[in-house]
Protein backbone atom coordinates (compact mmCIF):
# COMPACT_ATOMS: atom_id res chain seq x y z
CA MET A 1 -68.46 29.84 -18.13
CA GLY A 2 -66.07 32.73 -17.42
CA LEU A 3 -63.41 34.54 -19.96
CA TYR A 4 -60.92 31.95 -19.34
CA ASP A 5 -63.25 28.81 -20.71
CA ASP A 6 -63.67 31.04 -24.06
CA LYS A 7 -59.95 31.92 -24.78
CA GLU A 8 -59.60 27.94 -24.04
CA ARG A 9 -62.25 27.12 -26.69
CA GLY A 10 -61.56 29.62 -29.20
CA ASP A 11 -57.97 28.09 -29.07
CA GLU A 12 -59.15 25.11 -29.29
CA ARG A 13 -60.78 26.00 -32.96
CA VAL A 14 -57.80 27.75 -34.13
CA HIS A 15 -55.35 24.61 -33.42
CA PHE A 16 -58.01 21.88 -34.85
CA ALA A 17 -58.26 24.09 -37.78
CA ARG A 18 -54.79 24.71 -38.44
CA GLU A 19 -54.68 20.75 -37.71
CA ASP A 20 -57.33 20.30 -41.18
CA GLU A 21 -55.73 22.59 -43.50
CA LYS A 22 -52.47 20.75 -42.84
CA LEU A 23 -54.30 17.62 -43.10
CA LEU A 24 -56.40 18.69 -46.19
CA ARG A 25 -53.27 19.78 -47.79
CA LYS A 26 -51.41 16.62 -47.15
CA LEU A 27 -54.58 15.38 -49.42
CA LEU A 28 -54.70 17.53 -51.83
CA SER A 29 -51.04 16.94 -52.67
CA LYS A 30 -51.74 13.50 -53.16
CA VAL A 31 -54.73 13.55 -55.12
CA LYS A 32 -52.70 15.71 -57.58
CA ALA A 33 -50.13 13.23 -58.09
CA GLN A 34 -52.53 10.22 -58.71
CA ALA A 35 -53.79 12.52 -61.28
CA ASP A 36 -50.58 13.70 -62.87
CA GLN A 37 -49.88 10.30 -62.97
CA VAL A 38 -52.99 8.81 -64.57
CA ASP A 39 -52.68 11.69 -67.18
CA LYS A 40 -49.09 12.41 -67.65
CA GLN A 41 -49.72 14.87 -71.12
CA GLY A 42 -52.24 17.27 -69.17
CA ALA A 43 -50.24 17.56 -66.20
CA ASP A 44 -46.67 18.24 -68.32
CA GLY A 45 -49.46 20.90 -70.04
CA HIS A 46 -50.85 22.06 -66.65
CA LYS A 47 -46.98 22.47 -65.31
CA ASP A 48 -45.63 24.26 -69.22
CA ALA A 49 -48.89 26.79 -68.53
CA GLU A 50 -47.72 27.24 -64.62
CA ALA A 51 -44.14 27.80 -65.48
CA ALA A 52 -44.77 30.44 -67.94
CA LYS A 53 -47.16 32.26 -66.02
CA LEU A 54 -44.23 32.42 -63.23
CA LYS A 55 -41.74 33.75 -65.83
CA LYS A 56 -44.28 36.05 -67.17
CA ILE A 57 -44.53 37.62 -63.13
CA LEU A 58 -40.94 37.70 -62.61
CA PRO A 59 -39.18 38.51 -66.04
CA LYS A 60 -36.69 40.30 -64.82
CA HIS A 61 -35.44 37.75 -62.27
CA LYS A 62 -34.26 35.04 -65.30
CA LEU A 63 -35.56 31.90 -63.15
CA THR A 64 -33.48 28.77 -63.95
CA ASP A 65 -35.64 25.85 -64.49
CA GLN A 66 -34.86 24.00 -60.99
CA GLU A 67 -36.08 27.78 -59.84
CA ILE A 68 -38.97 26.58 -61.74
CA GLU A 69 -39.67 23.70 -60.43
CA LEU A 70 -38.76 24.69 -56.82
CA LEU A 71 -41.34 27.28 -56.84
CA LEU A 72 -44.11 25.29 -58.24
CA GLY A 73 -42.89 22.14 -55.91
CA TRP A 74 -43.82 25.09 -53.28
CA LYS A 75 -47.26 26.39 -54.59
CA HIS A 76 -48.09 22.45 -54.93
CA GLY A 77 -46.77 21.89 -51.52
CA VAL A 78 -44.32 19.36 -52.40
CA GLY A 79 -40.93 19.33 -50.34
CA ASP A 80 -42.77 21.20 -47.27
CA GLU A 81 -39.49 18.83 -45.63
CA LEU A 82 -37.25 21.52 -46.87
């Protein structure tokens, strides 16, 4: 086993770890979407709480509702294709 083999094996691990992360994020997004459909009231309450926290973190920026939606979508991996 040479140094090249170790590097190749390490690169392979990194590649598969990244692929696993992508798949897990996609799965989490699907689970969240399903949970939001089942518990609409809870989802709305959670969304409102997240928006309020975001406004508190960034008070100087006077974020619009659309900007908040985009940021929360980004946080949850929605719209990654943008």
